[in-house]
Amino acid sequence: MDSVAKQDIFVDTKQIERLTFELKGFEEKVGTATYHALKRTVSHVRTQIGRIIPKSYAIKASDVKRTLSSKEPSLKDLSATITSKGHTLSFAHFPFTPRKPKKIRRSIFENAVMVTIKKDRGKVLSRTGFVATTGAKSADKVQFNVFKRLGKDRLPIAPIRTLSIPQMITNEGVAEQIQRAAADKLDERFEHEIIRSMTTMGNNIKRG
């Protein structure tokens, strides 16, 4: 009977076993990568909202940021939200002229109040507005604002109010810019985090 030579071929499966081990935790790595990407995105979008709104509206970035709050993601809950809450704003938040009431009223046009709310529309005439003191005693408070009469008599009066900052944010053109900024940043950070995670995983496999 012919003898048949038998030779076993051994393959070092250490790296495959290590890869299998690493891949078992890959879902967790994706979650961790998502968590880090979302955290950076939330911070980035808050900053961008403070930049985007003043490009369209004649308002300070600090006024915009003051309305923002956010829910940060966690490793257990990856949901994240940015919320803007605020009332309609008086003209005191926007550039208006004249800045002070005039003592001598020479003509209706000289006392006409012009206000800039949307930058692309420029100065707009307020048909009912007039500038008056707010009665504020402190210099860091708003000294003058644009008011309207609530009836035919001289008093009572109330500040004229216009858009709120949440309304500005949800304006179609503005909202698109914010959504694009959020999507671009999330894609960028998620790719970065996944590559970093995969690199770490690869190095762990090589080390064995």
N, C-alpha and C. Protein backbone atom coordinates (compact mmCIF):
# COMPACT_ATOMS: atom_id res chain seq x y z
N MET A 1 0.85 -1.17 0.00
CA MET A 1 0.00 0.00 0.00
C MET A 1 0.88 1.22 0.00
N ASP A 2 0.54 2.04 -0.93
CA ASP A 2 1.33 3.26 -1.03
C ASP A 2 1.10 4.14 0.19
N SER A 3 2.17 4.67 0.65
CA SER A 3 2.02 5.62 1.76
C SER A 3 1.78 7.00 1.21
N VAL A 4 0.88 7.68 1.79
CA VAL A 4 0.54 9.05 1.35
C VAL A 4 1.10 10.02 2.38
N ALA A 5 1.91 10.93 1.84
CA ALA A 5 2.49 11.93 2.74
C ALA A 5 1.40 12.93 3.14
N LYS A 6 1.37 13.23 4.36
CA LYS A 6 0.39 14.17 4.86
C LYS A 6 1.11 15.32 5.55
N GLN A 7 0.79 16.51 5.12
CA GLN A 7 1.43 17.68 5.71
C GLN A 7 0.38 18.71 6.06
N ASP A 8 0.36 19.08 7.27
CA ASP A 8 -0.59 20.10 7.70
C ASP A 8 -0.03 21.50 7.44
N ILE A 9 -0.90 22.37 6.96
CA ILE A 9 -0.52 23.77 6.75
C ILE A 9 -1.21 24.60 7.82
N PHE A 10 -0.45 25.27 8.58
CA PHE A 10 -0.99 26.09 9.67
C PHE A 10 -0.99 27.57 9.27
N VAL A 11 -2.11 28.17 9.52
CA VAL A 11 -2.24 29.61 9.27
C VAL A 11 -2.40 30.31 10.61
N ASP A 12 -1.58 31.30 10.79
CA ASP A 12 -1.68 32.06 12.03
C ASP A 12 -2.95 32.92 11.98
N THR A 13 -3.91 32.55 12.77
CA THR A 13 -5.21 33.26 12.74
C THR A 13 -5.32 34.34 13.82
N LYS A 14 -4.18 34.67 14.42
CA LYS A 14 -4.22 35.65 15.50
C LYS A 14 -4.85 36.98 15.05
N GLN A 15 -4.43 37.46 13.85
CA GLN A 15 -4.96 38.73 13.38
C GLN A 15 -6.44 38.62 13.02
N ILE A 16 -6.84 37.48 12.43
CA ILE A 16 -8.25 37.29 12.09
C ILE A 16 -9.09 37.27 13.36
N GLU A 17 -8.57 36.56 14.36
CA GLU A 17 -9.28 36.53 15.63
C GLU A 17 -9.38 37.92 16.26
N ARG A 18 -8.28 38.66 16.12
CA ARG A 18 -8.28 40.01 16.66
C ARG A 18 -9.28 40.90 15.89
N LEU A 19 -9.32 40.72 14.56
CA LEU A 19 -10.24 41.48 13.72
C LEU A 19 -11.68 41.15 14.09
N THR A 20 -11.94 39.84 14.30
CA THR A 20 -13.28 39.41 14.68
C THR A 20 -13.69 40.05 16.00
N PHE A 21 -12.74 40.09 16.91
CA PHE A 21 -13.01 40.70 18.21
C PHE A 21 -13.31 42.20 18.05
N GLU A 22 -12.50 42.86 17.22
CA GLU A 22 -12.69 44.29 17.02
C GLU A 22 -14.03 44.59 16.34
N LEU A 23 -14.39 43.76 15.36
CA LEU A 23 -15.63 44.00 14.62
C LEU A 23 -16.86 43.76 15.47
N LYS A 24 -16.72 42.90 16.48
CA LYS A 24 -17.86 42.67 17.37
C LYS A 24 -18.26 43.96 18.08
N GLY A 25 -17.28 44.79 18.31
CA GLY A 25 -17.57 46.05 18.99
C GLY A 25 -17.73 47.21 18.05
N PHE A 26 -17.85 46.91 16.75
CA PHE A 26 -17.88 48.01 15.78
C PHE A 26 -19.15 48.84 15.91
N GLU A 27 -20.27 48.20 16.25
CA GLU A 27 -21.50 48.96 16.43
C GLU A 27 -21.32 50.01 17.52
N GLU A 28 -20.61 49.61 18.57
CA GLU A 28 -20.35 50.54 19.65
C GLU A 28 -19.44 51.67 19.18
N LYS A 29 -18.47 51.33 18.33
CA LYS A 29 -17.55 52.35 17.81
C LYS A 29 -18.30 53.35 16.93
N VAL A 30 -19.25 52.86 16.15
CA VAL A 30 -20.06 53.76 15.31
C VAL A 30 -20.86 54.70 16.21
N GLY A 31 -21.42 54.15 17.28
CA GLY A 31 -22.17 54.98 18.22
C GLY A 31 -21.29 56.03 18.87
N THR A 32 -20.08 55.65 19.25
CA THR A 32 -19.15 56.59 19.86
C THR A 32 -18.73 57.66 18.87
N ALA A 33 -18.48 57.23 17.62
CA ALA A 33 -18.12 58.19 16.58
C ALA A 33 -19.25 59.18 16.33
N THR A 34 -20.47 58.66 16.32
CA THR A 34 -21.65 59.52 16.12
C THR A 34 -21.79 60.52 17.25
N TYR A 35 -21.56 60.05 18.46
CA TYR A 35 -21.65 60.91 19.65
C TYR A 35 -20.68 62.10 19.54
N HIS A 36 -19.41 61.79 19.24
CA HIS A 36 -18.40 62.86 19.12
C HIS A 36 -18.72 63.79 17.95
N ALA A 37 -19.18 63.22 16.85
CA ALA A 37 -19.51 64.04 15.67
C ALA A 37 -20.68 64.97 15.97
N LEU A 38 -21.68 64.46 16.67
CA LEU A 38 -22.85 65.28 17.00
C LEU A 38 -22.49 66.41 17.96
N LYS A 39 -21.64 66.11 18.94
CA LYS A 39 -21.24 67.15 19.90
C LYS A 39 -20.55 68.30 19.18
N ARG A 40 -19.64 67.98 18.28
CA ARG A 40 -18.94 69.02 17.53
C ARG A 40 -19.90 69.76 16.60
N THR A 41 -20.86 69.04 16.04
CA THR A 41 -21.82 69.66 15.12
C THR A 41 -22.73 70.64 15.85
N VAL A 42 -23.20 70.25 17.03
CA VAL A 42 -24.08 71.14 17.81
C VAL A 42 -23.36 72.45 18.12
N SER A 43 -22.12 72.35 18.57
CA SER A 43 -21.33 73.54 18.88
C SER A 43 -21.13 74.40 17.63
N HIS A 44 -20.81 73.74 16.53
CA HIS A 44 -20.58 74.45 15.26
C HIS A 44 -21.83 75.16 14.78
N VAL A 45 -22.96 74.48 14.85
CA VAL A 45 -24.21 75.06 14.33
C VAL A 45 -24.64 76.25 15.19
N ARG A 46 -24.47 76.17 16.49
CA ARG A 46 -24.80 77.32 17.35
C ARG A 46 -23.99 78.55 16.94
N THR A 47 -22.72 78.32 16.66
CA THR A 47 -21.86 79.43 16.21
C THR A 47 -22.33 79.96 14.86
N GLN A 48 -22.68 79.04 13.96
CA GLN A 48 -23.09 79.44 12.61
C GLN A 48 -24.42 80.21 12.63
N ILE A 49 -25.33 79.81 13.51
CA ILE A 49 -26.60 80.55 13.62
C ILE A 49 -26.31 82.00 14.00
N GLY A 50 -25.37 82.20 14.93
CA GLY A 50 -24.99 83.55 15.33
C GLY A 50 -24.33 84.34 14.22
N ARG A 51 -23.83 83.65 13.20
CA ARG A 51 -23.20 84.34 12.06
C ARG A 51 -24.18 84.53 10.90
N ILE A 52 -25.01 83.52 10.67
CA ILE A 52 -25.90 83.55 9.50
C ILE A 52 -27.02 84.58 9.66
N ILE A 53 -27.65 84.62 10.83
CA ILE A 53 -28.79 85.53 11.03
C ILE A 53 -28.40 86.99 10.81
N PRO A 54 -27.28 87.47 11.40
CA PRO A 54 -26.93 88.88 11.19
C PRO A 54 -26.55 89.23 9.74
N LYS A 55 -26.32 88.22 8.91
CA LYS A 55 -26.05 88.50 7.49
C LYS A 55 -27.33 88.87 6.76
N SER A 56 -28.46 88.37 7.23
CA SER A 56 -29.75 88.64 6.60
C SER A 56 -30.54 89.71 7.33
N TYR A 57 -30.37 89.76 8.66
CA TYR A 57 -31.14 90.71 9.47
C TYR A 57 -30.18 91.65 10.20
N ALA A 58 -30.60 92.88 10.37
CA ALA A 58 -29.76 93.89 11.02
C ALA A 58 -29.84 93.76 12.54
N ILE A 59 -29.33 92.66 13.03
CA ILE A 59 -29.40 92.36 14.45
C ILE A 59 -28.05 91.85 14.93
N LYS A 60 -27.77 92.02 16.20
CA LYS A 60 -26.49 91.61 16.76
C LYS A 60 -26.45 90.10 16.97
N ALA A 61 -25.27 89.54 16.77
CA ALA A 61 -25.08 88.10 16.99
C ALA A 61 -25.37 87.74 18.45
N SER A 62 -25.03 88.63 19.37
CA SER A 62 -25.26 88.36 20.80
C SER A 62 -26.75 88.21 21.10
N ASP A 63 -27.58 89.00 20.40
CA ASP A 63 -29.04 88.88 20.59
C ASP A 63 -29.53 87.52 20.11
N VAL A 64 -28.94 87.04 19.02
CA VAL A 64 -29.33 85.74 18.45
C VAL A 64 -28.91 84.62 19.40
N LYS A 65 -27.67 84.63 19.83
CA LYS A 65 -27.14 83.56 20.66
C LYS A 65 -27.85 83.46 22.00
N ARG A 66 -28.36 84.60 22.47
CA ARG A 66 -29.04 84.63 23.76
C ARG A 66 -30.32 83.79 23.76
N THR A 67 -30.88 83.57 22.58
CA THR A 67 -32.14 82.81 22.48
C THR A 67 -31.90 81.31 22.35
N LEU A 68 -30.65 80.90 22.18
CA LEU A 68 -30.36 79.50 21.86
C LEU A 68 -30.10 78.65 23.10
N SER A 69 -30.63 77.45 23.07
CA SER A 69 -30.30 76.42 24.05
C SER A 69 -30.17 75.11 23.29
N SER A 70 -29.44 74.18 23.85
CA SER A 70 -29.23 72.92 23.13
C SER A 70 -29.29 71.73 24.06
N LYS A 71 -29.72 70.62 23.51
CA LYS A 71 -29.69 69.33 24.21
C LYS A 71 -28.52 68.55 23.62
N GLU A 72 -27.51 68.31 24.44
CA GLU A 72 -26.32 67.61 23.97
C GLU A 72 -26.59 66.10 23.89
N PRO A 73 -25.94 65.43 22.93
CA PRO A 73 -26.10 63.98 22.85
C PRO A 73 -25.32 63.29 23.97
N SER A 74 -25.67 62.05 24.24
CA SER A 74 -24.90 61.22 25.16
C SER A 74 -24.67 59.88 24.49
N LEU A 75 -23.81 59.06 25.06
CA LEU A 75 -23.54 57.75 24.47
C LEU A 75 -24.78 56.85 24.51
N LYS A 76 -25.67 57.11 25.46
CA LYS A 76 -26.90 56.31 25.56
C LYS A 76 -28.04 56.90 24.73
N ASP A 77 -27.98 58.20 24.50
CA ASP A 77 -29.03 58.88 23.73
C ASP A 77 -28.36 59.83 22.75
N LEU A 78 -28.33 59.43 21.48
CA LEU A 78 -27.61 60.19 20.47
C LEU A 78 -28.41 61.35 19.88
N SER A 79 -29.62 61.57 20.38
CA SER A 79 -30.41 62.68 19.85
C SER A 79 -29.84 64.01 20.34
N ALA A 80 -29.89 65.01 19.48
CA ALA A 80 -29.39 66.34 19.82
C ALA A 80 -30.31 67.38 19.19
N THR A 81 -30.55 68.45 19.91
CA THR A 81 -31.41 69.50 19.38
C THR A 81 -30.85 70.87 19.76
N ILE A 82 -31.15 71.84 18.90
CA ILE A 82 -30.87 73.25 19.19
C ILE A 82 -32.19 73.99 19.11
N THR A 83 -32.53 74.72 20.15
CA THR A 83 -33.81 75.41 20.23
C THR A 83 -33.59 76.91 20.39
N SER A 84 -34.41 77.68 19.69
CA SER A 84 -34.39 79.13 19.85
C SER A 84 -35.75 79.56 20.40
N LYS A 85 -35.72 80.28 21.52
CA LYS A 85 -36.95 80.78 22.12
C LYS A 85 -36.82 82.29 22.31
N GLY A 86 -37.84 83.01 21.92
CA GLY A 86 -37.79 84.45 22.10
C GLY A 86 -39.07 85.13 21.65
N HIS A 87 -39.36 86.28 22.23
CA HIS A 87 -40.53 87.06 21.87
C HIS A 87 -40.24 87.90 20.64
N THR A 88 -41.29 88.47 20.09
CA THR A 88 -41.10 89.42 19.00
C THR A 88 -40.29 90.61 19.52
N LEU A 89 -39.43 91.15 18.68
CA LEU A 89 -38.49 92.17 19.10
C LEU A 89 -39.01 93.58 18.82
N SER A 90 -38.68 94.48 19.71
CA SER A 90 -38.99 95.89 19.45
C SER A 90 -37.92 96.47 18.53
N PHE A 91 -38.17 97.67 18.02
CA PHE A 91 -37.22 98.31 17.10
C PHE A 91 -35.90 98.64 17.78
N ALA A 92 -35.87 98.60 19.12
CA ALA A 92 -34.63 98.90 19.83
C ALA A 92 -33.51 97.93 19.47
N HIS A 93 -33.86 96.76 18.95
CA HIS A 93 -32.86 95.76 18.56
C HIS A 93 -32.31 96.00 17.15
N PHE A 94 -32.86 96.99 16.45
CA PHE A 94 -32.48 97.24 15.06
C PHE A 94 -32.04 98.70 14.88
N PRO A 95 -31.28 98.98 13.82
CA PRO A 95 -30.91 100.37 13.57
C PRO A 95 -32.13 101.19 13.14
N PHE A 96 -32.37 102.29 13.83
CA PHE A 96 -33.47 103.17 13.43
C PHE A 96 -33.04 104.63 13.55
N THR A 97 -33.67 105.48 12.79
CA THR A 97 -33.41 106.91 12.84
C THR A 97 -34.74 107.65 12.86
N PRO A 98 -34.79 108.78 13.55
CA PRO A 98 -33.72 109.36 14.39
C PRO A 98 -33.52 108.54 15.66
N ARG A 99 -32.35 108.66 16.25
CA ARG A 99 -32.06 107.90 17.46
C ARG A 99 -32.68 108.51 18.70
N LYS A 100 -33.00 109.80 18.63
CA LYS A 100 -33.63 110.49 19.75
C LYS A 100 -34.82 111.31 19.24
N PRO A 101 -35.79 111.56 20.11
CA PRO A 101 -36.92 112.41 19.68
C PRO A 101 -36.45 113.84 19.45
N LYS A 102 -37.02 114.48 18.44
CA LYS A 102 -36.66 115.86 18.13
C LYS A 102 -37.62 116.81 18.83
N LYS A 103 -37.05 117.85 19.42
CA LYS A 103 -37.86 118.80 20.16
C LYS A 103 -38.68 119.69 19.21
N ILE A 104 -38.07 120.08 18.09
CA ILE A 104 -38.75 120.95 17.14
C ILE A 104 -39.25 120.11 15.97
N ARG A 105 -40.52 120.09 15.76
CA ARG A 105 -41.10 119.29 14.68
C ARG A 105 -41.40 120.21 13.49
N ARG A 106 -40.46 120.27 12.58
CA ARG A 106 -40.62 121.16 11.44
C ARG A 106 -41.51 120.56 10.36
N SER A 107 -41.39 119.24 10.18
CA SER A 107 -42.23 118.57 9.18
C SER A 107 -42.40 117.12 9.55
N ILE A 108 -43.43 116.50 9.01
CA ILE A 108 -43.70 115.09 9.27
C ILE A 108 -42.57 114.20 8.75
N PHE A 109 -41.92 114.65 7.67
CA PHE A 109 -40.85 113.86 7.07
C PHE A 109 -39.58 113.91 7.92
N GLU A 110 -39.37 115.07 8.57
CA GLU A 110 -38.18 115.19 9.40
C GLU A 110 -38.26 114.27 10.61
N ASN A 111 -39.46 114.03 11.11
CA ASN A 111 -39.66 113.17 12.27
C ASN A 111 -39.99 111.73 11.90
N ALA A 112 -40.03 111.43 10.62
CA ALA A 112 -40.36 110.07 10.20
C ALA A 112 -39.32 109.07 10.69
N VAL A 113 -39.79 107.94 11.19
CA VAL A 113 -38.89 106.91 11.70
C VAL A 113 -38.57 105.91 10.60
N MET A 114 -37.29 105.70 10.38
CA MET A 114 -36.83 104.72 9.40
C MET A 114 -36.12 103.60 10.16
N VAL A 115 -36.42 102.36 9.83
CA VAL A 115 -35.83 101.23 10.53
C VAL A 115 -35.36 100.18 9.52
N THR A 116 -34.23 99.55 9.82
CA THR A 116 -33.69 98.48 8.98
C THR A 116 -33.83 97.16 9.73
N ILE A 117 -34.63 96.26 9.17
CA ILE A 117 -34.81 94.94 9.78
C ILE A 117 -34.15 93.87 8.90
N LYS A 118 -34.60 93.78 7.65
CA LYS A 118 -33.94 92.88 6.69
C LYS A 118 -32.94 93.69 5.89
N LYS A 119 -31.72 93.25 5.86
CA LYS A 119 -30.66 94.04 5.23
C LYS A 119 -30.88 94.27 3.75
N ASP A 120 -31.46 93.29 3.05
CA ASP A 120 -31.63 93.45 1.61
C ASP A 120 -32.76 94.42 1.26
N ARG A 121 -33.55 94.82 2.25
CA ARG A 121 -34.62 95.78 2.01
C ARG A 121 -34.22 97.20 2.40
N GLY A 122 -33.12 97.32 3.15
CA GLY A 122 -32.66 98.64 3.55
C GLY A 122 -33.60 99.30 4.55
N LYS A 123 -33.54 100.63 4.62
CA LYS A 123 -34.38 101.37 5.56
C LYS A 123 -35.83 101.39 5.10
N VAL A 124 -36.73 101.13 6.04
CA VAL A 124 -38.16 101.09 5.75
C VAL A 124 -38.86 102.12 6.65
N LEU A 125 -39.81 102.84 6.09
CA LEU A 125 -40.55 103.85 6.84
C LEU A 125 -41.57 103.19 7.75
N SER A 126 -41.57 103.60 9.02
CA SER A 126 -42.61 103.18 9.95
C SER A 126 -43.73 104.20 9.91
N ARG A 127 -44.90 103.79 9.49
CA ARG A 127 -46.01 104.73 9.29
C ARG A 127 -46.59 105.26 10.60
N THR A 128 -46.49 104.48 11.65
CA THR A 128 -47.11 104.90 12.92
C THR A 128 -46.09 105.16 14.02
N GLY A 129 -44.83 104.85 13.77
CA GLY A 129 -43.84 104.92 14.83
C GLY A 129 -43.32 106.32 15.12
N PHE A 130 -42.95 106.54 16.37
CA PHE A 130 -42.26 107.76 16.77
C PHE A 130 -41.28 107.41 17.88
N VAL A 131 -40.20 108.16 17.97
CA VAL A 131 -39.15 107.89 18.95
C VAL A 131 -39.48 108.60 20.25
N ALA A 132 -39.38 107.85 21.34
CA ALA A 132 -39.64 108.43 22.66
C ALA A 132 -38.73 107.76 23.68
N THR A 133 -38.57 108.39 24.83
CA THR A 133 -37.74 107.83 25.88
C THR A 133 -38.43 106.62 26.51
N THR A 134 -37.62 105.67 26.94
CA THR A 134 -38.16 104.49 27.62
C THR A 134 -38.30 104.73 29.12
N GLY A 135 -37.69 105.80 29.58
CA GLY A 135 -37.72 106.08 31.02
C GLY A 135 -36.65 105.35 31.80
N ALA A 136 -35.75 104.68 31.08
CA ALA A 136 -34.69 103.93 31.76
C ALA A 136 -33.75 104.89 32.48
N LYS A 137 -33.38 104.57 33.71
CA LYS A 137 -32.50 105.42 34.50
C LYS A 137 -31.03 105.06 34.32
N SER A 138 -30.78 103.78 34.06
CA SER A 138 -29.40 103.31 33.94
C SER A 138 -28.91 103.48 32.51
N ALA A 139 -27.64 103.86 32.38
CA ALA A 139 -27.05 104.10 31.06
C ALA A 139 -26.91 102.82 30.25
N ASP A 140 -26.87 101.66 30.92
CA ASP A 140 -26.73 100.41 30.18
C ASP A 140 -28.08 99.84 29.72
N LYS A 141 -29.15 100.56 30.01
CA LYS A 141 -30.48 100.17 29.54
C LYS A 141 -30.82 100.92 28.26
N VAL A 142 -31.83 100.45 27.55
CA VAL A 142 -32.26 101.12 26.32
C VAL A 142 -32.91 102.46 26.69
N GLN A 143 -32.33 103.54 26.20
CA GLN A 143 -32.81 104.88 26.55
C GLN A 143 -33.98 105.33 25.68
N PHE A 144 -33.94 104.93 24.40
CA PHE A 144 -34.98 105.35 23.47
C PHE A 144 -35.45 104.17 22.63
N ASN A 145 -36.71 104.22 22.25
CA ASN A 145 -37.28 103.16 21.43
C ASN A 145 -38.34 103.78 20.51
N VAL A 146 -38.84 102.95 19.60
CA VAL A 146 -39.89 103.41 18.69
C VAL A 146 -41.23 102.92 19.20
N PHE A 147 -42.14 103.84 19.40
CA PHE A 147 -43.44 103.53 19.98
C PHE A 147 -44.58 103.81 18.99
N LYS A 148 -45.75 103.32 19.35
CA LYS A 148 -46.98 103.65 18.63
C LYS A 148 -48.07 103.95 19.67
N ARG A 149 -49.04 104.77 19.29
CA ARG A 149 -50.16 105.07 20.19
C ARG A 149 -51.20 103.96 20.08
N LEU A 150 -51.77 103.60 21.21
CA LEU A 150 -52.76 102.52 21.24
C LEU A 150 -54.18 103.01 20.99
N GLY A 151 -54.32 104.32 20.87
CA GLY A 151 -55.63 104.90 20.58
C GLY A 151 -55.44 106.26 19.95
N LYS A 152 -56.47 107.06 19.97
CA LYS A 152 -56.39 108.39 19.38
C LYS A 152 -55.74 109.40 20.31
N ASP A 153 -55.72 109.12 21.59
CA ASP A 153 -55.13 110.03 22.56
C ASP A 153 -53.61 109.91 22.58
N ARG A 154 -52.99 110.88 23.24
CA ARG A 154 -51.52 110.90 23.33
C ARG A 154 -51.01 109.66 24.06
N LEU A 155 -51.71 109.22 25.04
CA LEU A 155 -51.38 108.02 25.81
C LEU A 155 -52.60 107.10 25.83
N PRO A 156 -52.42 105.78 25.98
CA PRO A 156 -51.16 105.06 26.23
C PRO A 156 -50.39 104.78 24.93
N ILE A 157 -49.12 104.42 25.11
CA ILE A 157 -48.27 104.05 23.98
C ILE A 157 -47.62 102.71 24.28
N ALA A 158 -47.10 102.04 23.24
CA ALA A 158 -46.43 100.75 23.41
C ALA A 158 -45.34 100.62 22.35
N PRO A 159 -44.26 99.91 22.66
CA PRO A 159 -43.21 99.71 21.65
C PRO A 159 -43.75 98.95 20.44
N ILE A 160 -43.30 99.34 19.27
CA ILE A 160 -43.64 98.59 18.05
C ILE A 160 -42.78 97.33 18.03
N ARG A 161 -43.41 96.21 17.75
CA ARG A 161 -42.68 94.94 17.71
C ARG A 161 -42.76 94.32 16.32
N THR A 162 -41.73 93.57 16.00
CA THR A 162 -41.65 92.95 14.68
C THR A 162 -41.34 91.47 14.85
N LEU A 163 -40.46 90.92 14.04
CA LEU A 163 -40.16 89.49 14.08
C LEU A 163 -39.47 89.06 15.37
N SER A 164 -39.61 87.77 15.67
CA SER A 164 -38.81 87.16 16.74
C SER A 164 -37.61 86.47 16.09
N ILE A 165 -36.60 86.20 16.87
CA ILE A 165 -35.42 85.51 16.33
C ILE A 165 -35.76 84.09 15.87
N PRO A 166 -36.62 83.32 16.60
CA PRO A 166 -37.03 82.02 16.05
C PRO A 166 -37.66 82.13 14.66
N GLN A 167 -38.42 83.21 14.41
CA GLN A 167 -39.00 83.40 13.08
C GLN A 167 -37.92 83.66 12.04
N MET A 168 -36.89 84.39 12.43
CA MET A 168 -35.78 84.65 11.51
C MET A 168 -35.07 83.35 11.15
N ILE A 169 -34.88 82.50 12.16
CA ILE A 169 -34.17 81.23 11.94
C ILE A 169 -34.95 80.32 11.00
N THR A 170 -36.27 80.35 11.11
CA THR A 170 -37.09 79.46 10.28
C THR A 170 -37.46 80.08 8.93
N ASN A 171 -36.98 81.29 8.67
CA ASN A 171 -37.14 81.86 7.34
C ASN A 171 -36.53 80.90 6.33
N GLU A 172 -37.24 80.68 5.23
CA GLU A 172 -36.85 79.62 4.29
C GLU A 172 -35.38 79.70 3.87
N GLY A 173 -34.95 80.87 3.43
CA GLY A 173 -33.56 81.00 2.96
C GLY A 173 -32.56 80.80 4.07
N VAL A 174 -32.85 81.33 5.25
CA VAL A 174 -31.95 81.20 6.40
C VAL A 174 -31.92 79.76 6.89
N ALA A 175 -33.07 79.13 7.00
CA ALA A 175 -33.14 77.74 7.48
C ALA A 175 -32.33 76.81 6.59
N GLU A 176 -32.36 77.06 5.29
CA GLU A 176 -31.60 76.23 4.36
C GLU A 176 -30.10 76.34 4.62
N GLN A 177 -29.64 77.56 4.90
CA GLN A 177 -28.23 77.76 5.19
C GLN A 177 -27.82 77.03 6.47
N ILE A 178 -28.67 77.10 7.48
CA ILE A 178 -28.37 76.44 8.75
C ILE A 178 -28.37 74.93 8.59
N GLN A 179 -29.35 74.40 7.87
CA GLN A 179 -29.42 72.96 7.64
C GLN A 179 -28.20 72.46 6.86
N ARG A 180 -27.79 73.26 5.87
CA ARG A 180 -26.62 72.88 5.08
C ARG A 180 -25.35 72.89 5.94
N ALA A 181 -25.23 73.89 6.80
CA ALA A 181 -24.08 73.97 7.69
C ALA A 181 -24.05 72.77 8.64
N ALA A 182 -25.22 72.38 9.13
CA ALA A 182 -25.31 71.24 10.05
C ALA A 182 -24.96 69.94 9.34
N ALA A 183 -25.53 69.74 8.15
CA ALA A 183 -25.29 68.49 7.40
C ALA A 183 -23.82 68.36 7.00
N ASP A 184 -23.24 69.46 6.52
CA ASP A 184 -21.84 69.43 6.08
C ASP A 184 -20.91 69.13 7.25
N LYS A 185 -21.17 69.77 8.38
CA LYS A 185 -20.31 69.56 9.55
C LYS A 185 -20.45 68.15 10.09
N LEU A 186 -21.68 67.64 10.13
CA LEU A 186 -21.89 66.29 10.65
C LEU A 186 -21.20 65.27 9.76
N ASP A 187 -21.31 65.42 8.45
CA ASP A 187 -20.63 64.50 7.52
C ASP A 187 -19.12 64.55 7.73
N GLU A 188 -18.61 65.77 7.84
CA GLU A 188 -17.16 65.95 8.02
C GLU A 188 -16.67 65.31 9.31
N ARG A 189 -17.36 65.58 10.42
CA ARG A 189 -16.92 65.07 11.71
C ARG A 189 -17.13 63.56 11.83
N PHE A 190 -18.22 63.05 11.26
CA PHE A 190 -18.48 61.62 11.33
C PHE A 190 -17.41 60.84 10.57
N GLU A 191 -17.07 61.35 9.38
CA GLU A 191 -16.01 60.70 8.59
C GLU A 191 -14.69 60.73 9.36
N HIS A 192 -14.39 61.87 9.97
CA HIS A 192 -13.16 62.00 10.75
C HIS A 192 -13.14 61.00 11.91
N GLU A 193 -14.24 60.89 12.62
CA GLU A 193 -14.31 60.00 13.79
C GLU A 193 -14.23 58.53 13.38
N ILE A 194 -14.89 58.18 12.27
CA ILE A 194 -14.84 56.79 11.79
C ILE A 194 -13.42 56.42 11.36
N ILE A 195 -12.77 57.33 10.63
CA ILE A 195 -11.39 57.06 10.19
C ILE A 195 -10.48 56.90 11.40
N ARG A 196 -10.65 57.75 12.39
CA ARG A 196 -9.83 57.65 13.59
C ARG A 196 -10.08 56.33 14.31
N SER A 197 -11.35 55.93 14.38
CA SER A 197 -11.71 54.67 15.04
C SER A 197 -11.14 53.48 14.28
N MET A 198 -11.24 53.51 12.94
CA MET A 198 -10.72 52.41 12.12
C MET A 198 -9.20 52.34 12.22
N THR A 199 -8.55 53.49 12.28
CA THR A 199 -7.08 53.52 12.41
C THR A 199 -6.66 52.90 13.73
N THR A 200 -7.37 53.26 14.79
CA THR A 200 -7.08 52.68 16.10
C THR A 200 -7.30 51.18 16.10
N MET A 201 -8.40 50.76 15.46
CA MET A 201 -8.71 49.33 15.38
C MET A 201 -7.64 48.59 14.58
N GLY A 202 -7.18 49.20 13.48
CA GLY A 202 -6.13 48.58 12.67
C GLY A 202 -4.83 48.45 13.44
N ASN A 203 -4.49 49.47 14.20
CA ASN A 203 -3.27 49.41 14.99
C ASN A 203 -3.36 48.35 16.08
N ASN A 204 -4.56 48.19 16.66
CA ASN A 204 -4.76 47.15 17.69
C ASN A 204 -4.59 45.76 17.09
N ILE A 205 -5.09 45.58 15.84
CA ILE A 205 -4.97 44.28 15.19
C ILE A 205 -3.51 43.95 14.88
N LYS A 206 -2.77 44.97 14.41
CA LYS A 206 -1.36 44.75 14.08
C LYS A 206 -0.54 44.40 15.30
N ARG A 207 -0.88 45.05 16.41
CA ARG A 207 -0.13 44.78 17.64
C ARG A 207 -0.44 43.40 18.20
N GLY A 208 -1.68 42.91 17.87
CA GLY A 208 -2.06 41.56 18.26
C GLY A 208 -2.43 41.40 19.71
